[in-house]
Amino acid sequence: MAQALDEPVSLHAVVGHEEARASLARAHRRQLLPAALLLHGPRGVGKQRVALWLAQLLVCARPQLEPCGSCPACRMALGLEHPDIHWYFPIPRPKNATGDTLVDALEQARVEEIAELRLSPLRASHSEDVRGLYLGTVRNIRSKAHMRPVTAPGPIFIVGEAEHLVPQESSPEAANALLKLLEEPPGATRFILTSSEPGRLLPTIRSRTVPLHLGPLPRSVVADFLLKDAAVDPKKASWAAALGQGSPGRALGFLPDGDEKGPLERLRRRAFELVAAAMSPGASEGYGLALGFPPTGARGLVDLFDFVEEWVRDLAAVAAGVPSAALNHDAVPELERRVREAKVGAFAVARAFGSVERARELAWANVNPQLVVGGLIRDLRGALRAGVPDGAAA
């Protein structure tokens, strides 16, 4: 059922990025806004929310440096119901669907997720599901791009986390299909892509979009957002904002989810288990952890390995004598103890970063997760315990 215009809007206010938004608004006012934009920056920093803000500005009846927020077009945009704004993002692949059935199932899954977002717009930037932007998704975009717009000069397509166009199904077909639309956009069609890993996009897609970087926000801005919009108490807001590294979406992921830890907090702790196993006196703990992973679904490990890399970075900071630089600020005493016991040196840790990057590439390639995790722990062990024989305690 469509949301009535006198009902409360569903999207939360845009957080930060005032200078970038002012530049976009000025370009729109002067009719210099590119037809295809690429908003890139850290995950969870608000790129898709800025994209939705820009789409609202494009359809607004009385735009200035901000959308008016009160015209019917603005209200529909804020309610995620404007007929000419089409928002796509990675979703889990529907089961038991192929061909045209998959195309329809993907569109239905997208519609259902947007309906959930209307009810609960504050979401962490991490999802525990394996998600993708499939060829069927691009077919849906292409179909809508050739339809006449309802009220706006042309349709506006937001493609969130566009780096997921390439790795799905080990084929660049989805990215190539989108490229054809970018090369010859029908009429006044506009595209706004977002990516936290723009290097994974096809070079031809990057060359046909105008990039705009959205950087991390000040910690105080993230903490204030958690206090006001997420109704978090000051202590938790400060803790999550520090872990969020300037990203509201990331900070939300550390907050408790009911009686359970937040999805990013669970991931952070699991990543520490891998690093701790690599630094332990015996190798059996690492083998056990690797076997605890399922034999399929390696792409779901990418976020985990990002956290492993952060723990390795913190080990390097502690080993170099600058614990204040640790990202995991609440774990410094434990890191200091482990660095001391394993006799970890800052230069030895540098070798470990290559191990994490190799594991990440294998995960993108969908190699058996047990093999990838086992290899990562083994390689980390070789780097971090280079000065201590197996089985020896400090």
Protein backbone atom coordinates (compact mmCIF):
# COMPACT_ATOMS: atom_id res chain seq x y z
CA MET A 1 0.00 0.00 0.00
CA ALA A 2 1.35 3.44 -0.90
CA GLN A 3 2.26 5.75 1.96
CA ALA A 4 -0.07 8.74 2.22
CA LEU A 5 1.58 12.13 1.87
CA ASP A 6 0.48 13.24 5.35
CA GLU A 7 2.16 10.23 7.02
CA PRO A 8 5.65 10.53 8.54
CA VAL A 9 8.51 10.17 6.08
CA SER A 10 10.67 7.08 6.38
CA LEU A 11 14.28 8.10 5.67
CA HIS A 12 16.46 9.54 8.41
CA ALA A 13 18.20 12.85 7.81
CA VAL A 14 21.46 12.88 5.86
CA VAL A 15 24.46 12.79 8.20
CA GLY A 16 27.36 15.07 7.27
CA HIS A 17 28.95 15.54 3.81
CA GLU A 18 27.76 19.14 3.69
CA GLU A 19 30.47 20.33 1.28
CA ALA A 20 29.91 17.48 -1.17
CA ARG A 21 26.17 18.02 -1.13
CA ALA A 22 26.54 21.75 -1.66
CA SER A 23 28.77 21.08 -4.68
CA LEU A 24 26.20 18.68 -6.14
CA ALA A 25 23.38 21.17 -5.54
CA ARG A 26 25.30 23.99 -7.23
CA ALA A 27 26.07 21.75 -10.22
CA HIS A 28 22.37 20.85 -10.49
CA ARG A 29 21.30 24.49 -10.30
CA ARG A 30 23.71 25.37 -13.12
CA GLN A 31 22.61 22.30 -15.13
CA LEU A 32 26.14 20.91 -14.95
CA LEU A 33 25.41 17.76 -13.01
CA PRO A 34 26.83 14.71 -14.85
CA ALA A 35 24.42 12.05 -16.06
CA ALA A 36 26.43 9.30 -14.32
CA LEU A 37 28.05 9.78 -10.90
CA LEU A 38 30.18 7.44 -8.80
CA LEU A 39 30.06 8.19 -5.07
CA HIS A 40 32.92 6.30 -3.44
CA GLY A 41 34.33 6.12 0.06
CA PRO A 42 34.43 3.90 3.16
CA ARG A 43 31.63 1.45 3.69
CA GLY A 44 28.74 2.75 5.76
CA VAL A 45 29.79 6.39 5.48
CA GLY A 46 26.45 7.35 3.95
CA LYS A 47 27.00 7.10 0.20
CA GLN A 48 23.60 5.58 -0.61
CA ARG A 49 21.84 8.06 1.66
CA VAL A 50 23.57 10.93 -0.17
CA ALA A 51 22.54 9.30 -3.47
CA LEU A 52 18.92 9.23 -2.30
CA TRP A 53 19.25 12.86 -1.18
CA LEU A 54 20.52 13.81 -4.64
CA ALA A 55 17.68 11.93 -6.31
CA GLN A 56 15.23 13.84 -4.11
CA LEU A 57 16.90 17.11 -5.13
CA LEU A 58 16.53 16.16 -8.81
CA VAL A 59 12.78 15.60 -8.53
CA CYS A 60 12.05 18.42 -6.04
CA ALA A 61 9.62 21.09 -7.28
CA ARG A 62 11.44 23.90 -5.42
CA PRO A 63 15.10 22.89 -5.14
CA GLN A 64 17.72 25.20 -3.65
CA LEU A 65 20.90 23.94 -1.97
CA GLU A 66 18.63 21.36 -0.32
CA PRO A 67 15.40 19.68 -1.45
CA CYS A 68 12.42 21.58 -0.07
CA GLY A 69 11.21 18.48 1.77
CA SER A 70 7.54 19.46 1.55
CA CYS A 71 6.46 19.16 -2.09
CA PRO A 72 4.74 15.92 -3.16
CA ALA A 73 7.86 14.76 -5.06
CA CYS A 74 10.06 15.26 -1.98
CA ARG A 75 7.60 13.43 0.25
CA MET A 76 7.44 10.49 -2.12
CA ALA A 77 11.24 10.42 -2.42
CA LEU A 78 11.64 10.43 1.37
CA GLY A 79 9.08 7.63 1.58
CA LEU A 80 11.01 5.60 -1.03
CA GLU A 81 7.94 5.71 -3.25
CA HIS A 82 8.75 8.14 -6.05
CA PRO A 83 7.90 6.37 -9.35
CA ASP A 84 10.98 7.76 -11.15
CA ILE A 85 13.59 6.96 -8.45
CA HIS A 86 14.77 3.37 -8.68
CA TRP A 87 17.12 2.14 -5.92
CA TYR A 88 19.05 -1.09 -6.45
CA PHE A 89 21.49 -2.73 -4.06
CA PRO A 90 22.95 -6.20 -3.47
CA ILE A 91 20.41 -8.77 -2.29
CA PRO A 92 20.59 -12.51 -1.59
CA ARG A 93 20.02 -14.63 -4.69
CA PRO A 94 16.45 -16.01 -4.62
CA LYS A 95 16.38 -19.78 -4.32
CA ASN A 96 15.02 -22.05 -7.03
CA ALA A 97 14.76 -19.26 -9.59
CA THR A 98 16.40 -19.13 -13.04
CA GLY A 99 15.99 -17.18 -16.28
CA ASP A 100 12.94 -14.93 -16.43
CA THR A 101 11.77 -16.36 -13.12
CA LEU A 102 14.98 -15.10 -11.51
CA VAL A 103 14.48 -11.63 -12.99
CA ASP A 104 11.01 -11.40 -11.45
CA ALA A 105 12.17 -12.90 -8.14
CA LEU A 106 15.02 -10.39 -7.86
CA GLU A 107 12.65 -7.48 -8.40
CA GLN A 108 10.21 -8.83 -5.84
CA ALA A 109 13.02 -9.30 -3.31
CA ARG A 110 14.17 -5.71 -3.87
CA VAL A 111 10.65 -4.35 -3.39
CA GLU A 112 10.24 -6.33 -0.18
CA GLU A 113 13.55 -5.09 1.23
CA ILE A 114 12.66 -1.48 0.47
CA ALA A 115 9.34 -2.02 2.28
CA GLU A 116 11.32 -3.19 5.33
CA LEU A 117 13.57 -0.15 5.08
CA ARG A 118 10.51 2.12 5.25
CA LEU A 119 9.70 0.60 8.63
CA SER A 120 13.28 0.44 9.93
CA PRO A 121 15.54 2.86 8.00
CA LEU A 122 18.53 2.62 10.36
CA ARG A 123 20.56 -0.35 9.16
CA ALA A 124 24.14 -1.42 9.76
CA SER A 125 26.40 -1.38 6.72
CA HIS A 126 27.07 -5.11 7.11
CA SER A 127 24.85 -8.01 6.13
CA GLU A 128 25.58 -11.59 7.08
CA ASP A 129 23.91 -12.85 3.88
CA VAL A 130 25.90 -13.42 0.69
CA ARG A 131 24.54 -10.76 -1.66
CA GLY A 132 25.06 -9.72 -5.25
CA LEU A 133 23.94 -7.49 -8.12
CA TYR A 134 23.01 -10.12 -10.66
CA LEU A 135 22.54 -9.99 -14.40
CA GLY A 136 18.80 -10.26 -13.78
CA THR A 137 19.00 -7.09 -11.68
CA VAL A 138 20.55 -5.18 -14.58
CA ARG A 139 17.87 -6.54 -16.89
CA ASN A 140 15.29 -5.01 -14.56
CA ILE A 141 17.17 -1.68 -14.64
CA ARG A 142 17.37 -1.79 -18.43
CA SER A 143 13.63 -2.45 -18.70
CA LYS A 144 12.77 0.54 -16.48
CA ALA A 145 15.30 2.79 -18.26
CA HIS A 146 13.34 2.45 -21.51
CA MET A 147 10.00 3.32 -19.92
CA ARG A 148 8.60 6.85 -19.99
CA PRO A 149 9.12 8.71 -16.68
CA VAL A 150 6.02 9.54 -14.67
CA THR A 151 6.75 13.04 -13.35
CA ALA A 152 10.52 13.69 -13.55
CA PRO A 153 12.43 14.58 -16.75
CA GLY A 154 13.91 11.09 -16.72
CA PRO A 155 14.33 8.04 -14.48
CA ILE A 156 17.01 8.09 -11.78
CA PHE A 157 18.82 4.86 -10.96
CA ILE A 158 20.79 4.41 -7.75
CA VAL A 159 23.05 1.35 -7.81
CA GLY A 160 24.47 0.80 -4.33
CA GLU A 161 27.65 -1.19 -3.71
CA ALA A 162 28.25 -1.40 -7.44
CA GLU A 163 31.46 -3.42 -6.95
CA HIS A 164 29.17 -6.43 -6.50
CA LEU A 165 28.42 -6.30 -10.23
CA VAL A 166 31.67 -8.11 -11.07
CA PRO A 167 32.36 -11.01 -8.68
CA GLN A 168 28.95 -12.64 -8.77
CA GLU A 169 28.89 -15.94 -10.64
CA SER A 170 32.56 -15.37 -11.63
CA SER A 171 31.31 -13.37 -14.60
CA PRO A 172 31.40 -9.68 -15.58
CA GLU A 173 28.13 -10.02 -17.51
CA ALA A 174 26.15 -7.83 -15.09
CA ALA A 175 28.78 -5.10 -15.19
CA ASN A 176 28.95 -5.24 -18.99
CA ALA A 177 25.17 -5.01 -19.26
CA LEU A 178 25.17 -1.90 -17.07
CA LEU A 179 28.05 -0.48 -19.11
CA LYS A 180 25.88 -0.52 -22.23
CA LEU A 181 23.28 1.59 -20.44
CA LEU A 182 25.93 4.05 -19.25
CA GLU A 183 27.31 4.36 -22.78
CA GLU A 184 23.93 5.12 -24.33
CA PRO A 185 21.51 6.22 -21.57
CA PRO A 186 17.95 6.55 -22.89
CA GLY A 187 16.67 10.15 -22.85
CA ALA A 188 17.30 12.03 -19.61
CA THR A 189 18.18 8.91 -17.60
CA ARG A 190 20.55 9.49 -14.67
CA PHE A 191 22.74 6.98 -12.82
CA ILE A 192 24.21 7.33 -9.34
CA LEU A 193 26.56 4.47 -8.47
CA THR A 194 28.11 4.01 -5.03
CA SER A 195 31.08 1.86 -4.11
CA SER A 196 33.41 1.27 -1.18
CA GLU A 197 35.78 -0.60 -3.52
CA PRO A 198 35.77 1.34 -6.81
CA GLY A 199 38.90 -0.51 -7.94
CA ARG A 200 36.74 -3.62 -8.39
CA LEU A 201 34.52 -1.91 -10.95
CA LEU A 202 35.27 -2.44 -14.60
CA PRO A 203 37.63 0.32 -15.80
CA THR A 204 35.13 1.12 -18.55
CA ILE A 205 32.42 1.78 -15.96
CA ARG A 206 34.73 4.04 -13.95
CA SER A 207 35.64 5.94 -17.12
CA ARG A 208 31.96 6.67 -17.84
CA THR A 209 31.14 8.02 -14.40
CA VAL A 210 32.29 11.18 -12.64
CA PRO A 211 33.76 10.23 -9.24
CA LEU A 212 33.06 12.05 -5.98
CA HIS A 213 34.73 10.90 -2.78
CA LEU A 214 32.78 10.89 0.49
CA GLY A 215 35.23 10.57 3.35
CA PRO A 216 34.86 9.53 7.00
CA LEU A 217 32.91 11.81 9.29
CA PRO A 218 34.23 13.25 12.56
CA ARG A 219 33.78 10.88 15.49
CA SER A 220 31.67 13.49 17.29
CA VAL A 221 29.24 13.64 14.35
CA VAL A 222 28.82 9.85 14.37
CA ALA A 223 28.34 9.78 18.15
CA ASP A 224 25.74 12.55 17.92
CA PHE A 225 23.90 10.61 15.20
CA LEU A 226 23.80 7.51 17.43
CA LEU A 227 22.52 9.56 20.36
CA LYS A 228 19.77 11.35 18.46
CA ASP A 229 18.68 9.02 15.65
CA ALA A 230 19.44 5.61 17.16
CA ALA A 231 18.58 6.58 20.78
CA VAL A 232 21.80 5.05 22.13
CA ASP A 233 23.09 5.97 25.58
CA PRO A 234 26.19 8.22 25.62
CA LYS A 235 28.64 5.52 26.74
CA LYS A 236 27.64 3.07 24.01
CA ALA A 237 27.48 5.86 21.43
CA SER A 238 31.06 6.89 22.22
CA TRP A 239 32.29 3.27 22.10
CA ALA A 240 30.54 2.46 18.80
CA ALA A 241 31.52 5.79 17.21
CA ALA A 242 35.19 5.07 17.94
CA LEU A 243 34.93 1.63 16.34
CA GLY A 244 32.91 3.11 13.46
CA GLN A 245 35.94 4.99 12.10
CA GLY A 246 33.86 7.88 10.82
CA SER A 247 31.09 5.68 9.42
CA PRO A 248 27.55 5.86 10.87
CA GLY A 249 26.52 2.62 9.14
CA ARG A 250 29.54 0.80 10.51
CA ALA A 251 28.99 2.20 14.02
CA LEU A 252 25.41 0.90 13.99
CA GLY A 253 26.74 -2.59 13.33
CA PHE A 254 28.51 -2.72 16.69
CA LEU A 255 25.43 -1.90 18.74
CA PRO A 256 23.52 -4.77 20.39
CA ASP A 257 20.81 -6.41 18.32
CA GLY A 258 18.25 -7.19 21.01
CA ASP A 259 19.91 -9.60 23.42
CA GLU A 260 22.65 -10.43 20.91
CA LYS A 261 25.79 -8.58 19.99
CA GLY A 262 25.62 -6.47 16.85
CA PRO A 263 26.57 -8.12 13.52
CA LEU A 264 29.86 -6.23 13.22
CA GLU A 265 30.75 -6.89 16.84
CA ARG A 266 30.22 -10.61 16.25
CA LEU A 267 32.38 -10.39 13.13
CA ARG A 268 35.08 -8.40 14.93
CA ARG A 269 35.33 -10.99 17.69
CA ARG A 270 35.45 -13.87 15.24
CA ALA A 271 38.26 -12.15 13.35
CA PHE A 272 40.17 -11.80 16.61
CA GLU A 273 39.78 -15.54 17.17
CA LEU A 274 41.60 -16.18 13.88
CA VAL A 275 44.44 -13.81 14.77
CA ALA A 276 44.68 -15.22 18.29
CA ALA A 277 44.85 -18.77 16.89
CA ALA A 278 47.70 -17.73 14.62
CA MET A 279 49.61 -16.39 17.64
CA SER A 280 48.90 -19.32 19.98
CA PRO A 281 51.72 -21.76 20.96
CA GLY A 282 50.13 -24.73 19.19
CA ALA A 283 48.74 -25.02 15.66
CA SER A 284 45.74 -27.24 16.52
CA GLU A 285 43.52 -24.32 17.50
CA GLY A 286 43.83 -22.85 14.02
CA TYR A 287 42.94 -26.13 12.32
CA GLY A 288 39.84 -26.45 14.49
CA LEU A 289 38.69 -22.93 13.66
CA ALA A 290 39.15 -23.51 9.92
CA LEU A 291 37.09 -26.70 10.00
CA GLY A 292 34.32 -24.83 11.78
CA PHE A 293 33.61 -22.83 8.60
CA PRO A 294 31.19 -24.21 5.97
CA PRO A 295 32.71 -25.66 2.78
CA THR A 296 30.90 -23.12 0.56
CA GLY A 297 30.04 -19.40 0.56
CA ALA A 298 33.57 -17.96 0.55
CA ARG A 299 32.43 -14.50 -0.52
CA GLY A 300 30.84 -14.13 2.89
CA LEU A 301 34.38 -14.11 4.33
CA VAL A 302 35.40 -10.82 2.74
CA ASP A 303 34.02 -8.68 5.58
CA LEU A 304 35.60 -11.02 8.12
CA PHE A 305 39.01 -10.60 6.50
CA ASP A 306 38.60 -6.82 6.61
CA PHE A 307 38.43 -7.13 10.38
CA VAL A 308 41.39 -9.52 10.44
CA GLU A 309 43.36 -6.83 8.61
CA GLU A 310 42.36 -4.28 11.25
CA TRP A 311 43.53 -6.57 14.04
CA VAL A 312 46.85 -7.05 12.24
CA ARG A 313 47.15 -3.29 11.87
CA ASP A 314 46.57 -2.92 15.63
CA LEU A 315 49.25 -5.52 16.34
CA ALA A 316 51.64 -3.45 14.26
CA ALA A 317 50.71 -0.30 16.21
CA VAL A 318 51.22 -2.01 19.56
CA ALA A 319 54.48 -3.65 18.45
CA ALA A 320 55.74 -0.25 17.27
CA GLY A 321 55.00 1.27 20.67
CA VAL A 322 52.01 3.41 19.65
CA PRO A 323 48.99 1.62 21.18
CA SER A 324 47.00 4.85 21.03
CA ALA A 325 46.78 4.32 17.24
CA ALA A 326 44.91 1.01 17.64
CA LEU A 327 41.48 0.94 15.99
CA ASN A 328 40.21 -1.64 18.48
CA HIS A 329 40.76 0.75 21.36
CA ASP A 330 39.00 -1.49 23.87
CA ALA A 331 41.40 -4.41 23.28
CA VAL A 332 44.80 -2.72 23.71
CA PRO A 333 45.76 -4.54 26.97
CA GLU A 334 45.04 -7.93 25.37
CA LEU A 335 46.97 -7.01 22.24
CA GLU A 336 49.94 -5.86 24.32
CA ARG A 337 49.96 -9.18 26.16
CA ARG A 338 49.87 -11.24 22.99
CA VAL A 339 52.55 -9.16 21.27
CA ARG A 340 54.76 -9.66 24.31
CA GLU A 341 54.15 -13.43 24.53
CA ALA A 342 54.63 -14.08 20.80
CA LYS A 343 57.57 -11.67 20.57
CA VAL A 344 55.97 -9.88 17.64
CA GLY A 345 57.99 -7.14 15.98
CA ALA A 346 56.54 -4.33 13.89
CA PHE A 347 58.47 -5.40 10.77
CA ALA A 348 57.29 -9.01 11.13
CA VAL A 349 53.66 -7.83 11.19
CA ALA A 350 54.16 -6.12 7.82
CA ARG A 351 54.43 -9.55 6.19
CA ALA A 352 51.04 -10.49 7.57
CA PHE A 353 49.18 -7.88 5.51
CA GLY A 354 50.00 -9.74 2.31
CA SER A 355 48.54 -12.92 3.81
CA VAL A 356 45.23 -11.18 4.49
CA GLU A 357 45.08 -9.71 0.98
CA ARG A 358 45.69 -13.14 -0.59
CA ALA A 359 42.92 -14.65 1.53
CA ARG A 360 40.56 -11.86 0.49
CA GLU A 361 41.26 -12.48 -3.19
CA LEU A 362 40.63 -16.21 -2.74
CA ALA A 363 37.34 -15.40 -1.01
CA TRP A 364 36.25 -13.22 -3.94
CA ALA A 365 37.16 -16.16 -6.21
CA ASN A 366 34.85 -18.41 -4.12
CA VAL A 367 37.51 -20.91 -3.03
CA ASN A 368 36.54 -23.40 -0.29
CA PRO A 369 36.25 -21.31 2.95
CA GLN A 370 37.91 -23.99 5.08
CA LEU A 371 40.96 -23.96 2.83
CA VAL A 372 41.06 -20.16 2.71
CA VAL A 373 40.78 -19.73 6.48
CA GLY A 374 43.24 -22.54 7.18
CA GLY A 375 45.75 -21.02 4.77
CA LEU A 376 45.29 -17.57 6.28
CA ILE A 377 45.91 -18.77 9.84
CA ARG A 378 48.97 -20.71 8.68
CA ASP A 379 50.41 -17.69 6.85
CA LEU A 380 49.66 -15.35 9.73
CA ARG A 381 51.33 -17.78 12.07
CA GLY A 382 54.44 -17.79 9.93
CA ALA A 383 54.61 -14.01 10.05
CA LEU A 384 53.53 -13.26 13.61
CA ARG A 385 55.41 -16.08 15.40
CA ALA A 386 58.53 -15.95 13.30
CA GLY A 387 60.71 -15.65 16.40
CA VAL A 388 59.02 -18.32 18.52
CA PRO A 389 59.10 -22.11 17.79
CA ASP A 390 55.76 -23.95 17.71
CA GLY A 391 54.73 -25.17 21.12
CA ALA A 392 57.01 -22.73 22.92
CA ALA A 393 55.54 -20.29 25.41
CA ALA A 394 57.03 -16.89 26.01
